[in-house]
Amino acid sequence: MHGAEILPKGVFDDETSLHEPDFRAVLDALTVAVYATDAEGVVTYYNAAAAAIAGRDPELGKDRWCVSWQLRRPDGSPLPHEQCPMARALKERRPIRGEELIAVRPNGASVPLLPHPTPMFDAAGALTGAVNVLIDLSNTKDMERSSRYLAAIVESSDDAIVAKDLNGIITSWNRGAERLFGYTAEDVIGKSITILIPQDRLSEEPGILERIRRGDKVDHFETKRRRKDGSLIDVSLTVSPVKDATGRIVGASKIARDITETKRAAEALSARFREQAALYRFTERVQRTKRIEDVFEASLDAIQGALSCDRASILLFDPSGTIRFVASRGLSEAYQSAVDGHSPWASGANEPEPIFVENVDSADMSRALKEAIAQEGIGALGFVPLVLDGKLIGKFMTYYDEPHRFAESEIGVAVTIARQLGFSLQRMETENARRQAEERLRRNEANERARAAELAAIMEAVPALIWIARTPDCHVISGNKSSYEMLRLPHDSNLSLSAPPGERPTNFRVFSGGRALSPDELPVQRAARGEEVRNFEEEVRFEDGSSRYIFGNATPLRDAAGEVIGAVAASVDITERRQAEEALQESERRLQLALDAGHMGAWEWNLGTDEVIWSPGLEALHRLERGSFGRTLADFKRNVHPDDLPLIDSEIAKAVETKGDYHVVYRARLLDGTVRWMEAFAQFSPSNGPSRRLIGVCMDITERREAEAQRNLLVAELSHRVKNTLAIVGSIARQTFSTSPDARTAHRSFDARIRALAQTHTRLAEASWSGVSLQTVLYDELAPYQDDGRTNVKLQGPTAMLPPKHALTLGMAAHELATNAAKHGALSVKSGKVDIEWVVDVDTDRLRICWRESGGPPVVTPAHNGFGRLLLERVLASDLGGEVHLEFKPQGLVCTIDVPYPRGAPG
């Protein structure tokens, strides 16, 4: 109910046979906006359609003249309510027709309207009120604009836009289609669309036509089409039905977009991702393995996964300098026997370069080798050297069944795999040496305990360092040859730091954990007090600054009664092992730095115990204190955005069920309330233990997501600006060529106007489309006409930054004024001057510009209006809602421009 009970008297005749409530119901149900006022213009009734147009519910008995929040004239200038058509109809006591206006809603949206206010009178002729019917012109305006721009958009589109009838016969063909397919419109109009379809895809067209006849739209259908030169291109098709005025489908509109580069980019990105994933898995596996066979297996997986080759192999030089297969995939025994021992480089070669054969048939190689390769079905292959300390130790091979072009990215990945494989082989060699040294130490210690009676002989025979104290006070300690040599002391000298001054050695000190040990803390002295000292590790630091590291045990020497009578210590020099361990730790530190640099952290989930382990880097990604993560799956899920938990659970369940890879992108909520985007990858550990483990990494991809969003925003903004610019160019072309009878003159005018538009575009582009100052726009247009002293042009006004739309329109206006002044006005003679002043009214948000010419030829009012004047008086009004006043005074033209100045404009 909208207050129809107080409709003005006279709206309905009291003698009507229909009841008044029925009429109110009819008005309420109308989709046409209707409202009524009393004789004073106060709103007494409105229906739902009127409220919808107004964007608000009017206040009955309070709102006057109109239900709208604000009104504007068609030129955009404000229209007071008391001057609206309804107010005039009441004041003039007559209907008002044919006056359009614009209603502004409270949310800022505007609706073009055609009001029909009609005053109402009672039987005595007294004015009782008025009824107004509002017609929404939005669709009519949109259709007018669409019809003007559609042809220009279609013709200037970069996409191919083709129309065809229901038999597949081409009926229209734009320039985009000509560029994409190579045919001109004359070549194809009237011919079947199958001229573009490859033979193996002809079956697609009947299906497309059938869907069009049903009224369906074919959206983003990716396929291949043939150009005039016979080449194939990847395209994305969108096909829509075309209907006539009665709604009958008479044909189809097809938009084809070249996606060749897009598909290539996607394939390249997928390849890079595959390469990086394979490299990561390879690095993770070789860091954990302790068997050389596992290193080879992981290497072959990485080679095939990262390089997408059909087969692969690893070969190493044996002690005789002959290269031999040590691991392979997909190669026959016959082939391996035929090429075993072949290498393009000699054993130990310095810094050899990889060799790639892209086509075996055209390769320069021996006939026997080429026949063996061809018989194996290999079309291309690559030789990648394995190098340690700059010397060649072997190679790995990649094999492709067909000829293959090796891209720079593939070569880089191959070299990376070779480098990592070399490091792994070196690590395995170092580990084997360390294990062998430890095993020798254990055997020597056992032999020493079993052959105490032969201690003196054994001390000289073993490579261990041995010290013996024969008294509990350890004032005298002797040792074997190795101990003297390691301590850099003469044989038979006293090795004890507990000896009296003058007898003790002074060329070294002993440290543990970076702390200098006193004599009583040394292993032999502790053992002499009855203590078993196991697995001590010490640094012997010499006076020249060098150090040696030793590892060993010390035990008490007892007599037959069990009393301690001294001590013995045996140790080994582990300096080389320590150096190797430090190198390994440095390698692990570099790996952690790489993880940190990539905003990544590692994690591990034990499915048997449900324990989750986070690396310190992963805790740092989640802004957690080191070691504060709770180590359970529930603790992890507490950090996940609730909307992403179902996805996490689904991907975990899928990975557990299929034992496949785990990959998910989700949002993490940090303790400070911020939300970050995370991407996690994981694989099941290849371990055959009772508990399965899912091991992976997680990286912060927030910046990448934001960059993608920014990129999409920039693409949308670019599309918007291109459409606007094309519309402006189309308008300039139509107006220039329709108003200039001489074609050459029209072309020169059109070129000049386009250059002016381009000049303003350049200024806006330099400012990243944030705006450009009015002074810059005016200076750019007037600069070619200034005299040497720059006295004939004067610019004066405050700083006024213009948004892109204002800058383009005012730049074109300045061009027209400057061109006119140079041809006919003040700038056509040396004595002429142009003064331009402008002000910004902050109270009304208006920009007022005054162009005043003087000293030129006498001005005569033109007999007809050209495009320049049309642009000044109409375009400024329609585009910017401004007003232009031209005065053709004899002493010089005066042009006054008054346009809205957007609040919050840049600058």
Foldseek 3Di string as FASTA:
>chain_A
DFQQVPAWPQPDDPPDPDDPVVVVVVQQPDLWWKWKDWLQQFTRGTHPNQCVQQVHRADGPPDGQHRHPFKAALLGHGDDSCRDQSNCCSVVVAWDFDGWIWGAHPVGDIWIWTKTKHWGADPVRHTTIIMITIDTCVVVVVVVVCVVCVVLCQQPPLWWKWKDWLVQATADTHVNNCVVQVDDRVRGHRHHPCVFPDPVCPVVVVVVSVCLQVQHKDFQDWDWTAHPVGDIFIWTKIKGFDADPVRHGTIIMIIIDGCRVVVVVVVVVVLVVQLVVLVVQLLVQLVPDLDPVSNQVSLQSNLCRNLVFPWKFWWFQDPVFFIATPDIPLFDPVLRVQCGRDDPDTFFDFPDDKDWFQALVPDPDDPSNSVSCVVSQFGIKIWAFADDPRTTGTTMMGTHNHRDDQDPVNSVSRNVSSPSSNVSVVLSVLVVVVVVVVVVQVVLVVVCVVPVVCNVVSQAVDLKWKKWQQALQLLFIATYPNNCVVLVHDHPQGDQPSHPPPRHDDFKFKDDPNHTDHRCPDQFNVQSVVDKAAFDKIWIAGPVGDIWIKTWIKHFDADPVRDGRGIMIIIHTCRVVVVVVVVVVVVVVVVVVVCLVQQKWKWKAWPVVQFIDTDQSVCVSLVHDPPPQPRHPVSVCVQFDVVCVVVVVVQVVVCVVVQAKGWDWGWTQHPVGDIFIKIKIWHWDPDPDPIIMIIIMMHTCRVVVVVVVVVVVVVVVVVVVVSVVSVVLVVLLVQLVVQDPDPVVSVVVSVLLVVLLVVLVVQCVVVVQQWDWPVVLLCVLCVVLADPVSPQEEEEEDTATAGSLVSNLVSSLSNLVNVCCCPANQSVDPQKHWYKYWYADPVQQKIKIKIWIADTAFFDDDPDDGVSVCSQAPVCSNSFVKHWDWDRGRGGIMIMIMGGHDPPRDD
